[in-house]
Amino acid sequence: MKIEVEMKVVYKRDTHPVKAVAVVILDDSFAIHNVKVVDNGSGPFLSMPSLRGRDGKWRSVCHPMNNEFRKELQEKVLEAYWAE
């Protein structure tokens, strides 16, 4: 699967856990907006888009279906983040 990452915003301040916001494009066919790079002190990780439900709980809008793809997606996004 071809994975393209476009960094839309990279935050330079250290006080906020969100470090960047990206768009991920899969096989030139599907775009995922508001993918975030988050670092809460234990290293950067990928946060998929989510919405707050009526009950106040956050739920993913979309997410990888297996650990192998999650790892590949995270590697691509973090690679684009470090390149900024």
N, C-alpha and C. Protein backbone atom coordinates (compact mmCIF):
# COMPACT_ATOMS: atom_id res chain seq x y z
N MET A 1 0.85 -1.18 0.00
CA MET A 1 0.00 0.00 0.00
C MET A 1 0.89 1.24 0.00
N LYS A 2 0.55 2.16 -0.86
CA LYS A 2 1.28 3.42 -0.92
C LYS A 2 0.71 4.37 0.14
N ILE A 3 1.58 4.90 0.97
CA ILE A 3 1.18 5.82 2.03
C ILE A 3 1.93 7.13 1.85
N GLU A 4 1.19 8.22 1.62
CA GLU A 4 1.77 9.55 1.52
C GLU A 4 1.35 10.35 2.75
N VAL A 5 2.24 11.19 3.25
CA VAL A 5 1.94 12.00 4.42
C VAL A 5 2.25 13.45 4.10
N GLU A 6 1.27 14.32 4.35
CA GLU A 6 1.45 15.76 4.19
C GLU A 6 1.32 16.41 5.57
N MET A 7 2.42 16.95 6.09
CA MET A 7 2.35 17.66 7.36
C MET A 7 1.67 19.00 7.12
N LYS A 8 0.59 19.26 7.79
CA LYS A 8 -0.14 20.51 7.64
C LYS A 8 0.33 21.55 8.65
N VAL A 9 0.54 21.13 9.89
CA VAL A 9 0.98 22.03 10.95
C VAL A 9 1.99 21.30 11.81
N VAL A 10 3.11 21.97 12.11
CA VAL A 10 4.10 21.43 13.06
C VAL A 10 4.27 22.47 14.15
N TYR A 11 3.95 22.08 15.36
CA TYR A 11 4.04 23.00 16.50
C TYR A 11 5.44 22.92 17.10
N LYS A 12 6.08 24.05 17.28
CA LYS A 12 7.45 24.09 17.79
C LYS A 12 7.52 24.22 19.31
N ARG A 13 6.42 24.62 19.95
CA ARG A 13 6.44 24.82 21.41
C ARG A 13 6.46 23.47 22.14
N ASP A 14 7.14 23.44 23.26
CA ASP A 14 7.28 22.19 24.02
C ASP A 14 6.19 22.00 25.07
N THR A 15 5.35 22.99 25.27
CA THR A 15 4.38 22.92 26.37
C THR A 15 3.12 22.14 26.03
N HIS A 16 2.87 21.87 24.78
CA HIS A 16 1.65 21.17 24.38
C HIS A 16 1.98 19.77 23.87
N PRO A 17 1.19 18.76 24.21
CA PRO A 17 1.52 17.39 23.75
C PRO A 17 1.33 17.17 22.26
N VAL A 18 0.46 17.93 21.58
CA VAL A 18 0.28 17.76 20.14
C VAL A 18 1.44 18.47 19.43
N LYS A 19 2.21 17.70 18.68
CA LYS A 19 3.39 18.23 18.02
C LYS A 19 3.17 18.53 16.54
N ALA A 20 2.21 17.84 15.90
CA ALA A 20 1.96 18.06 14.48
C ALA A 20 0.60 17.51 14.09
N VAL A 21 0.09 18.02 12.97
CA VAL A 21 -1.17 17.54 12.39
C VAL A 21 -0.90 17.25 10.92
N ALA A 22 -1.37 16.09 10.45
CA ALA A 22 -1.07 15.66 9.09
C ALA A 22 -2.31 15.14 8.37
N VAL A 23 -2.15 15.02 7.06
CA VAL A 23 -3.11 14.32 6.21
C VAL A 23 -2.38 13.10 5.67
N VAL A 24 -3.01 11.94 5.78
CA VAL A 24 -2.44 10.70 5.25
C VAL A 24 -3.27 10.30 4.05
N ILE A 25 -2.60 10.00 2.93
CA ILE A 25 -3.27 9.59 1.72
C ILE A 25 -2.86 8.16 1.40
N LEU A 26 -3.86 7.29 1.27
CA LEU A 26 -3.62 5.87 1.03
C LEU A 26 -3.90 5.54 -0.44
N ASP A 27 -2.91 5.01 -1.12
CA ASP A 27 -3.03 4.58 -2.52
C ASP A 27 -3.65 5.62 -3.44
N ASP A 28 -3.37 6.89 -3.20
CA ASP A 28 -3.95 7.97 -4.01
C ASP A 28 -5.47 7.88 -4.10
N SER A 29 -6.11 7.23 -3.10
CA SER A 29 -7.54 6.98 -3.18
C SER A 29 -8.32 7.36 -1.93
N PHE A 30 -7.66 7.48 -0.79
CA PHE A 30 -8.38 7.71 0.47
C PHE A 30 -7.55 8.65 1.34
N ALA A 31 -8.16 9.73 1.81
CA ALA A 31 -7.45 10.71 2.64
C ALA A 31 -7.97 10.65 4.07
N ILE A 32 -7.05 10.71 5.01
CA ILE A 32 -7.38 10.76 6.43
C ILE A 32 -6.84 12.08 6.97
N HIS A 33 -7.72 12.99 7.35
CA HIS A 33 -7.33 14.29 7.87
C HIS A 33 -7.23 14.25 9.39
N ASN A 34 -6.50 15.20 9.96
CA ASN A 34 -6.36 15.37 11.41
C ASN A 34 -5.70 14.20 12.12
N VAL A 35 -4.72 13.60 11.45
CA VAL A 35 -3.87 12.61 12.11
C VAL A 35 -2.84 13.40 12.89
N LYS A 36 -2.69 13.12 14.18
CA LYS A 36 -1.82 13.93 15.03
C LYS A 36 -0.60 13.15 15.49
N VAL A 37 0.50 13.88 15.63
CA VAL A 37 1.68 13.36 16.32
C VAL A 37 1.62 13.94 17.72
N VAL A 38 1.59 13.05 18.70
CA VAL A 38 1.45 13.46 20.11
C VAL A 38 2.66 12.94 20.88
N ASP A 39 3.15 13.76 21.80
CA ASP A 39 4.23 13.34 22.69
C ASP A 39 3.91 13.83 24.10
N ASN A 40 3.57 12.89 24.96
CA ASN A 40 3.23 13.24 26.35
C ASN A 40 4.39 12.95 27.30
N GLY A 41 5.59 12.86 26.73
CA GLY A 41 6.77 12.65 27.56
C GLY A 41 7.41 11.29 27.39
N SER A 42 6.69 10.34 26.81
CA SER A 42 7.24 9.00 26.63
C SER A 42 7.58 8.71 25.17
N GLY A 43 7.71 9.75 24.37
CA GLY A 43 8.05 9.60 22.96
C GLY A 43 6.84 9.83 22.08
N PRO A 44 7.09 10.26 20.83
CA PRO A 44 5.97 10.59 19.94
C PRO A 44 5.22 9.34 19.49
N PHE A 45 3.91 9.50 19.30
CA PHE A 45 3.08 8.42 18.78
C PHE A 45 1.98 9.02 17.93
N LEU A 46 1.30 8.17 17.19
CA LEU A 46 0.26 8.57 16.27
C LEU A 46 -1.10 8.56 16.97
N SER A 47 -1.87 9.61 16.74
CA SER A 47 -3.23 9.70 17.26
C SER A 47 -4.17 9.87 16.08
N MET A 48 -5.06 8.92 15.91
CA MET A 48 -5.99 8.96 14.78
C MET A 48 -7.13 9.93 15.08
N PRO A 49 -7.82 10.41 14.04
CA PRO A 49 -8.93 11.35 14.24
C PRO A 49 -10.01 10.74 15.12
N SER A 50 -10.60 11.57 15.98
CA SER A 50 -11.66 11.08 16.86
C SER A 50 -12.70 12.17 17.07
N LEU A 51 -13.87 11.75 17.51
CA LEU A 51 -14.97 12.65 17.81
C LEU A 51 -15.53 12.31 19.19
N ARG A 52 -16.01 13.32 19.89
CA ARG A 52 -16.62 13.08 21.19
C ARG A 52 -18.10 12.74 20.97
N GLY A 53 -18.52 11.62 21.55
CA GLY A 53 -19.90 11.20 21.44
C GLY A 53 -20.80 11.95 22.40
N ARG A 54 -22.08 11.72 22.31
CA ARG A 54 -23.04 12.38 23.20
C ARG A 54 -22.81 12.03 24.66
N ASP A 55 -22.21 10.87 24.89
CA ASP A 55 -21.92 10.46 26.26
C ASP A 55 -20.62 11.05 26.80
N GLY A 56 -19.93 11.87 25.98
CA GLY A 56 -18.70 12.52 26.41
C GLY A 56 -17.44 11.72 26.15
N LYS A 57 -17.56 10.48 25.70
CA LYS A 57 -16.40 9.64 25.44
C LYS A 57 -15.89 9.88 24.02
N TRP A 58 -14.56 9.80 23.87
CA TRP A 58 -13.93 9.98 22.57
C TRP A 58 -13.92 8.65 21.83
N ARG A 59 -14.22 8.69 20.52
CA ARG A 59 -14.24 7.50 19.68
C ARG A 59 -13.47 7.80 18.39
N SER A 60 -12.71 6.82 17.95
CA SER A 60 -11.96 6.96 16.70
C SER A 60 -12.91 7.06 15.52
N VAL A 61 -12.59 7.94 14.59
CA VAL A 61 -13.35 8.07 13.35
C VAL A 61 -12.90 6.96 12.40
N CYS A 62 -11.60 6.71 12.36
CA CYS A 62 -11.02 5.63 11.56
C CYS A 62 -9.76 5.16 12.28
N HIS A 63 -9.37 3.94 12.02
CA HIS A 63 -8.19 3.41 12.70
C HIS A 63 -7.67 2.19 11.95
N PRO A 64 -6.38 1.85 12.12
CA PRO A 64 -5.82 0.65 11.51
C PRO A 64 -6.50 -0.60 12.09
N MET A 65 -6.65 -1.60 11.26
CA MET A 65 -7.33 -2.83 11.68
C MET A 65 -6.38 -3.88 12.26
N ASN A 66 -5.06 -3.67 12.14
CA ASN A 66 -4.13 -4.63 12.74
C ASN A 66 -2.85 -3.91 13.14
N ASN A 67 -2.08 -4.54 14.00
CA ASN A 67 -0.85 -3.94 14.52
C ASN A 67 0.21 -3.71 13.45
N GLU A 68 0.25 -4.60 12.46
CA GLU A 68 1.24 -4.47 11.40
C GLU A 68 1.02 -3.17 10.62
N PHE A 69 -0.23 -2.89 10.24
CA PHE A 69 -0.50 -1.66 9.50
C PHE A 69 -0.35 -0.44 10.40
N ARG A 70 -0.75 -0.55 11.66
CA ARG A 70 -0.57 0.57 12.60
C ARG A 70 0.91 0.96 12.68
N LYS A 71 1.77 -0.04 12.78
CA LYS A 71 3.21 0.22 12.87
C LYS A 71 3.72 0.89 11.60
N GLU A 72 3.30 0.39 10.43
CA GLU A 72 3.73 0.96 9.15
C GLU A 72 3.25 2.41 9.01
N LEU A 73 2.00 2.65 9.38
CA LEU A 73 1.44 4.00 9.29
C LEU A 73 2.16 4.95 10.23
N GLN A 74 2.40 4.51 11.47
CA GLN A 74 3.09 5.36 12.44
C GLN A 74 4.51 5.67 11.97
N GLU A 75 5.20 4.70 11.40
CA GLU A 75 6.56 4.94 10.91
C GLU A 75 6.57 6.00 9.81
N LYS A 76 5.62 5.92 8.88
CA LYS A 76 5.55 6.89 7.78
C LYS A 76 5.24 8.30 8.29
N VAL A 77 4.29 8.42 9.22
CA VAL A 77 3.93 9.73 9.74
C VAL A 77 5.08 10.32 10.55
N LEU A 78 5.70 9.53 11.40
CA LEU A 78 6.82 10.04 12.21
C LEU A 78 8.02 10.39 11.32
N GLU A 79 8.23 9.63 10.27
CA GLU A 79 9.30 9.96 9.32
C GLU A 79 9.06 11.33 8.70
N ALA A 80 7.82 11.61 8.30
CA ALA A 80 7.49 12.93 7.73
C ALA A 80 7.62 14.02 8.79
N TYR A 81 7.26 13.71 10.03
CA TYR A 81 7.37 14.69 11.13
C TYR A 81 8.83 15.05 11.38
N TRP A 82 9.71 14.05 11.45
CA TRP A 82 11.12 14.32 11.72
C TRP A 82 11.78 15.06 10.56
N ALA A 83 11.25 14.91 9.34
CA ALA A 83 11.81 15.58 8.17
C ALA A 83 11.49 17.08 8.16
N GLU A 84 10.50 17.50 8.94
CA GLU A 84 10.10 18.92 8.96
C GLU A 84 11.12 19.76 9.65
